[in-house]
N, C-alpha and C. Protein backbone atom coordinates (compact mmCIF):
# COMPACT_ATOMS: atom_id res chain seq x y z
N MET A 1 27.09 94.82 28.47
CA MET A 1 28.02 94.19 28.28
C MET A 1 27.87 92.62 27.63
N ASN A 2 26.94 92.27 28.35
CA ASN A 2 26.55 90.71 28.02
C ASN A 2 25.87 90.87 26.47
N ARG A 3 25.06 91.82 25.98
CA ARG A 3 24.74 92.31 24.64
C ARG A 3 25.73 91.96 23.60
N LEU A 4 27.06 92.74 24.15
CA LEU A 4 28.00 92.67 23.58
C LEU A 4 28.62 91.45 23.02
N PHE A 5 28.83 90.94 24.17
CA PHE A 5 29.23 89.52 24.00
C PHE A 5 28.48 88.45 23.08
N LEU A 6 27.01 88.81 23.76
CA LEU A 6 26.31 87.71 22.87
C LEU A 6 26.24 87.95 21.28
N GLY A 7 26.38 89.42 20.98
CA GLY A 7 26.41 89.88 19.42
C GLY A 7 27.79 89.33 19.09
N LEU A 8 28.69 89.59 19.48
CA LEU A 8 30.07 89.04 19.11
C LEU A 8 30.10 87.35 18.70
N LEU A 9 29.89 86.90 19.83
CA LEU A 9 29.42 85.29 19.72
C LEU A 9 28.62 84.98 18.41
N CYS A 10 27.19 85.58 18.32
CA CYS A 10 26.78 85.06 16.95
C CYS A 10 27.26 85.59 15.59
N VAL A 11 28.20 86.64 15.77
CA VAL A 11 28.98 86.75 14.71
C VAL A 11 29.85 85.90 14.19
N ALA A 12 30.88 85.41 15.23
CA ALA A 12 31.72 84.35 15.19
C ALA A 12 30.92 83.49 14.77
N ALA A 13 30.00 82.80 15.32
CA ALA A 13 29.29 81.60 14.84
C ALA A 13 28.65 81.49 13.33
N LEU A 14 28.09 82.94 12.66
CA LEU A 14 28.21 82.49 11.63
C LEU A 14 29.06 82.93 10.41
N ALA A 15 30.15 83.25 11.17
CA ALA A 15 31.42 83.44 9.97
C ALA A 15 32.01 81.85 10.06
N VAL A 16 31.84 81.52 11.20
CA VAL A 16 32.66 79.91 10.94
C VAL A 16 31.62 78.96 10.51
N ALA A 17 30.32 78.93 10.34
CA ALA A 17 29.13 78.28 9.70
C ALA A 17 28.77 78.47 8.47
N GLY A 18 29.33 79.72 8.04
CA GLY A 18 28.94 80.10 6.70
C GLY A 18 30.16 79.67 5.66
N CYS A 19 31.33 79.45 6.25
CA CYS A 19 32.50 79.07 5.53
C CYS A 19 33.05 77.86 4.99
N ARG A 20 32.42 77.45 3.76
CA ARG A 20 32.70 76.26 3.17
C ARG A 20 34.21 75.92 3.21
N ARG A 21 34.81 74.78 3.32
CA ARG A 21 36.37 74.51 3.18
C ARG A 21 36.33 73.53 2.13
N VAL A 22 35.49 72.66 1.86
CA VAL A 22 35.30 71.53 0.85
C VAL A 22 34.00 71.37 0.17
N ASP A 23 33.99 71.45 -1.04
CA ASP A 23 32.73 71.32 -1.74
C ASP A 23 33.07 69.91 -2.61
N GLU A 24 32.56 68.56 -2.32
CA GLU A 24 33.37 67.37 -3.07
C GLU A 24 31.78 67.08 -3.77
N ARG A 25 32.58 66.97 -5.09
CA ARG A 25 31.53 66.80 -6.57
C ARG A 25 32.10 65.42 -6.90
N THR A 26 31.06 65.11 -7.87
CA THR A 26 31.44 63.84 -8.89
C THR A 26 31.23 64.33 -10.37
N PHE A 27 32.01 63.66 -11.24
CA PHE A 27 32.31 64.20 -12.59
C PHE A 27 32.49 62.95 -13.26
N THR A 28 31.35 62.73 -14.45
CA THR A 28 31.95 61.80 -15.48
C THR A 28 32.44 62.16 -16.58
N VAL A 29 33.82 61.94 -17.11
CA VAL A 29 34.32 62.46 -18.55
C VAL A 29 34.25 60.94 -18.97
N ASP A 30 33.75 61.46 -20.67
CA ASP A 30 33.80 60.50 -21.67
C ASP A 30 35.12 60.49 -22.26
N VAL A 31 35.78 59.36 -22.17
CA VAL A 31 37.04 59.24 -23.04
C VAL A 31 36.72 58.14 -23.75
N PRO A 32 36.66 58.52 -25.27
CA PRO A 32 36.09 57.34 -26.13
C PRO A 32 37.27 56.75 -26.65
N GLN A 33 38.61 57.04 -26.49
CA GLN A 33 39.74 56.19 -26.70
C GLN A 33 40.38 55.34 -25.78
N ALA A 34 39.93 55.49 -24.41
CA ALA A 34 40.49 54.88 -23.53
C ALA A 34 39.79 53.49 -23.08
N SER A 35 40.39 52.45 -23.31
CA SER A 35 39.74 50.82 -23.27
C SER A 35 40.84 50.09 -22.49
N THR A 36 42.02 50.37 -21.95
CA THR A 36 43.27 49.50 -21.63
C THR A 36 43.59 49.86 -20.16
N ALA A 37 44.03 49.04 -19.43
CA ALA A 37 44.79 49.27 -17.96
C ALA A 37 46.01 50.41 -18.25
N ALA A 38 46.57 50.28 -19.56
CA ALA A 38 47.45 51.33 -19.51
C ALA A 38 46.80 52.82 -19.99
N ASP A 39 45.75 52.83 -20.51
CA ASP A 39 45.01 53.98 -20.77
C ASP A 39 44.57 54.63 -19.22
N GLU A 40 44.46 53.37 -18.45
CA GLU A 40 43.72 54.13 -17.35
C GLU A 40 44.83 54.67 -16.19
N GLN A 41 46.02 54.00 -16.65
CA GLN A 41 46.99 54.78 -15.64
C GLN A 41 47.40 55.73 -16.40
N ALA A 42 47.36 56.07 -17.74
CA ALA A 42 47.95 57.56 -18.09
C ALA A 42 46.73 58.87 -17.83
N LEU A 43 45.58 58.20 -17.88
CA LEU A 43 44.40 58.95 -17.36
C LEU A 43 44.78 59.50 -15.80
N ARG A 44 44.82 58.56 -14.98
CA ARG A 44 45.43 58.92 -13.41
C ARG A 44 46.70 59.48 -13.37
N ALA A 45 47.46 59.48 -14.11
CA ALA A 45 48.94 60.06 -14.04
C ALA A 45 48.38 61.58 -14.48
N ALA A 46 47.50 61.84 -15.28
CA ALA A 46 46.98 63.27 -15.85
C ALA A 46 46.61 63.87 -14.90
N LEU A 47 45.78 63.27 -14.26
CA LEU A 47 45.04 63.84 -13.24
C LEU A 47 45.67 64.03 -11.39
N ALA A 48 46.81 63.03 -11.31
CA ALA A 48 47.83 63.32 -9.83
C ALA A 48 48.45 64.46 -9.81
N VAL A 49 48.43 65.64 -10.57
CA VAL A 49 48.90 66.71 -10.27
C VAL A 49 48.10 67.72 -9.44
N TYR A 50 47.06 67.27 -9.34
CA TYR A 50 46.07 68.28 -8.83
C TYR A 50 45.78 67.58 -7.30
N GLY A 51 45.60 68.93 -6.34
CA GLY A 51 45.45 68.84 -5.28
C GLY A 51 43.70 68.65 -4.61
N GLY A 52 43.08 68.75 -5.64
CA GLY A 52 41.68 68.75 -5.13
C GLY A 52 41.11 67.21 -5.46
N ILE A 53 41.87 66.26 -6.13
CA ILE A 53 41.36 64.88 -6.25
C ILE A 53 42.40 64.12 -4.86
N ASN A 54 41.52 63.31 -4.36
CA ASN A 54 42.50 62.44 -3.38
C ASN A 54 43.12 61.16 -3.78
N ALA A 55 44.63 61.19 -4.19
CA ALA A 55 45.03 60.37 -5.16
C ALA A 55 45.00 59.27 -4.14
N LYS A 56 45.21 59.23 -2.83
CA LYS A 56 45.26 58.03 -1.79
C LYS A 56 43.62 57.38 -1.89
N ASP A 57 42.76 57.64 -2.03
CA ASP A 57 41.35 57.15 -2.28
C ASP A 57 41.25 56.38 -3.39
N PRO A 58 41.21 55.20 -3.23
CA PRO A 58 41.04 54.68 -4.62
C PRO A 58 39.90 54.43 -5.46
N THR A 59 38.79 55.49 -4.57
CA THR A 59 37.44 55.24 -5.34
C THR A 59 37.34 56.66 -6.02
N ALA A 60 38.19 57.74 -5.35
CA ALA A 60 38.38 59.08 -6.33
C ALA A 60 38.21 59.08 -7.84
N ILE A 61 38.97 58.44 -8.16
CA ILE A 61 39.15 58.04 -9.81
C ILE A 61 38.37 56.55 -9.92
N VAL A 62 37.49 56.36 -10.86
CA VAL A 62 36.90 55.10 -11.20
C VAL A 62 36.81 55.02 -13.02
N PHE A 63 37.78 54.29 -13.19
CA PHE A 63 37.68 53.96 -14.68
C PHE A 63 36.73 52.81 -15.66
N ASP A 64 36.06 53.05 -16.05
CA ASP A 64 35.26 52.33 -16.57
C ASP A 64 35.39 51.91 -18.23
N ALA A 65 36.34 50.56 -18.55
CA ALA A 65 36.84 50.61 -19.66
C ALA A 65 35.71 50.15 -20.64
N ALA A 66 34.53 49.51 -20.34
CA ALA A 66 33.72 49.04 -21.27
C ALA A 66 32.65 50.36 -21.60
N LYS A 67 32.75 51.22 -20.87
CA LYS A 67 31.79 52.79 -21.49
C LYS A 67 32.79 53.68 -21.90
N HIS A 68 33.80 53.54 -21.49
CA HIS A 68 34.94 54.54 -22.17
C HIS A 68 34.66 55.97 -21.19
N GLN A 69 34.66 55.78 -19.96
CA GLN A 69 34.23 56.72 -19.10
C GLN A 69 35.25 56.49 -17.96
N LEU A 70 35.73 58.02 -17.22
CA LEU A 70 36.25 58.18 -16.02
C LEU A 70 35.06 58.93 -15.18
N THR A 71 35.14 58.32 -14.06
CA THR A 71 34.34 58.86 -13.08
C THR A 71 35.25 59.66 -11.95
N VAL A 72 34.97 61.05 -11.60
CA VAL A 72 36.21 61.72 -10.75
C VAL A 72 35.36 62.57 -9.26
N ARG A 73 35.91 62.31 -8.52
CA ARG A 73 35.57 62.52 -7.24
C ARG A 73 36.40 63.90 -6.96
N TYR A 74 36.00 64.90 -6.84
CA TYR A 74 37.04 66.24 -6.83
C TYR A 74 36.58 67.30 -5.75
N ASP A 75 37.48 68.20 -5.46
CA ASP A 75 37.22 69.35 -4.22
C ASP A 75 37.02 70.65 -5.53
N SER A 76 35.38 70.75 -5.75
CA SER A 76 35.10 72.12 -6.49
C SER A 76 35.78 73.50 -6.06
N MET A 77 36.38 73.31 -4.57
CA MET A 77 36.83 74.74 -4.16
C MET A 77 38.24 74.78 -4.55
N GLN A 78 39.09 73.42 -5.12
CA GLN A 78 40.25 73.52 -5.71
C GLN A 78 40.49 73.40 -7.12
N LEU A 79 39.14 73.03 -7.45
CA LEU A 79 39.53 72.16 -9.25
C LEU A 79 38.13 72.26 -9.55
N ALA A 80 38.35 72.72 -11.10
CA ALA A 80 37.18 72.96 -11.83
C ALA A 80 36.59 71.84 -12.86
N LYS A 81 35.82 71.25 -13.39
CA LYS A 81 35.49 70.49 -14.29
C LYS A 81 36.51 70.56 -15.65
N LYS A 82 36.60 71.80 -16.01
CA LYS A 82 37.27 72.33 -17.28
C LYS A 82 38.93 71.63 -16.97
N ASN A 83 39.05 72.24 -15.53
CA ASN A 83 40.71 71.69 -15.58
C ASN A 83 41.03 69.95 -15.96
N ILE A 84 39.84 69.45 -15.26
CA ILE A 84 40.00 67.92 -15.66
C ILE A 84 40.18 67.70 -16.93
N GLU A 85 39.11 68.28 -17.86
CA GLU A 85 38.91 67.95 -19.31
C GLU A 85 40.11 68.28 -19.89
N ILE A 86 40.76 69.58 -19.74
CA ILE A 86 41.79 69.75 -20.33
C ILE A 86 43.27 69.34 -19.78
N SER A 87 43.30 68.49 -18.95
CA SER A 87 44.45 67.60 -18.34
C SER A 87 44.39 66.58 -18.75
N LEU A 88 43.30 66.00 -19.19
CA LEU A 88 43.01 64.61 -19.85
C LEU A 88 43.30 64.90 -21.45
N ALA A 89 43.17 66.00 -21.94
CA ALA A 89 43.54 66.23 -23.42
C ALA A 89 44.52 66.02 -23.56
N LYS A 90 45.37 67.52 -22.47
CA LYS A 90 46.97 67.26 -22.63
C LYS A 90 47.67 65.64 -22.76
N ALA A 91 46.78 65.00 -21.87
CA ALA A 91 47.62 63.47 -21.69
C ALA A 91 47.08 62.75 -23.42
N GLY A 92 46.53 63.61 -24.18
CA GLY A 92 46.18 62.71 -25.23
C GLY A 92 44.81 61.93 -25.49
N PHE A 93 44.18 62.28 -24.70
CA PHE A 93 42.89 61.54 -24.72
C PHE A 93 41.55 62.66 -25.07
N THR A 94 40.49 62.54 -26.03
CA THR A 94 39.40 63.26 -25.89
C THR A 94 38.77 63.02 -24.52
N ALA A 95 38.31 64.31 -24.13
CA ALA A 95 37.53 64.52 -22.80
C ALA A 95 36.13 65.35 -22.95
N ASN A 96 35.45 64.63 -22.84
CA ASN A 96 33.53 65.41 -23.23
C ASN A 96 33.92 66.23 -24.53
N GLY A 97 34.36 66.10 -25.23
CA GLY A 97 34.74 67.04 -26.51
C GLY A 97 35.97 67.62 -26.64
N VAL A 98 36.36 67.95 -25.63
CA VAL A 98 37.87 68.86 -25.38
C VAL A 98 38.83 67.97 -26.13
N THR A 99 39.37 67.81 -27.50
CA THR A 99 40.33 67.11 -28.19
C THR A 99 41.70 67.46 -27.67
N PRO A 100 42.75 66.27 -27.61
CA PRO A 100 44.29 66.60 -27.27
C PRO A 100 44.42 67.92 -28.43
N GLU A 101 44.08 68.08 -29.75
CA GLU A 101 44.53 68.57 -30.56
C GLU A 101 44.48 70.33 -30.15
N SER A 102 43.12 70.36 -29.46
CA SER A 102 42.84 71.87 -29.34
C SER A 102 43.60 72.55 -28.09
N VAL A 103 44.14 71.59 -27.45
CA VAL A 103 44.95 71.98 -26.52
C VAL A 103 46.51 71.83 -26.94
N GLY A 104 46.63 71.41 -27.92
CA GLY A 104 48.22 71.25 -28.31
C GLY A 104 49.12 70.17 -28.09
N ALA A 105 48.18 69.15 -27.83
CA ALA A 105 48.80 67.59 -27.46
C ALA A 105 48.56 66.89 -28.84
N LYS A 106 49.09 65.83 -28.88
CA LYS A 106 49.01 64.85 -29.88
C LYS A 106 47.99 63.68 -29.33
N PRO A 107 47.12 62.99 -30.16
CA PRO A 107 46.06 61.87 -29.44
C PRO A 107 46.96 60.76 -29.13
N ALA A 108 46.40 60.12 -27.91
CA ALA A 108 47.03 58.99 -27.59
C ALA A 108 46.99 58.06 -28.47
N LYS A 109 45.73 57.68 -29.14
CA LYS A 109 45.74 56.90 -30.08
C LYS A 109 45.00 57.05 -31.13
N ALA A 110 44.58 56.58 -32.38
CA ALA A 110 43.95 57.25 -33.35
C ALA A 110 42.49 56.63 -32.95
N GLN A 111 41.79 57.64 -33.46
CA GLN A 111 40.21 57.37 -32.91
C GLN A 111 39.59 56.52 -33.89
């Protein structure tokens, strides 16, 4: 009886310990057309629809206007890098080479 209980306890412990719930990653996206505060707001709005990015955390999305880069901290269990790139492209910004035209959108600005 004790062996059975111990065995079940070990199986339960392994099941709980082996199950990842969150896999937080950081991803930097080159957005060559983005350089203004209005661009930053448009980029943030494009990503606001995803549950894998904590919109309440001000450090989850960091925009560097000088480098034309957006750094995003996201949960890869809910969201993939390609989702981020395509969402930004749909908002009109080239994102790591994914162009607005490739997703059927118009560019936010002339390049």
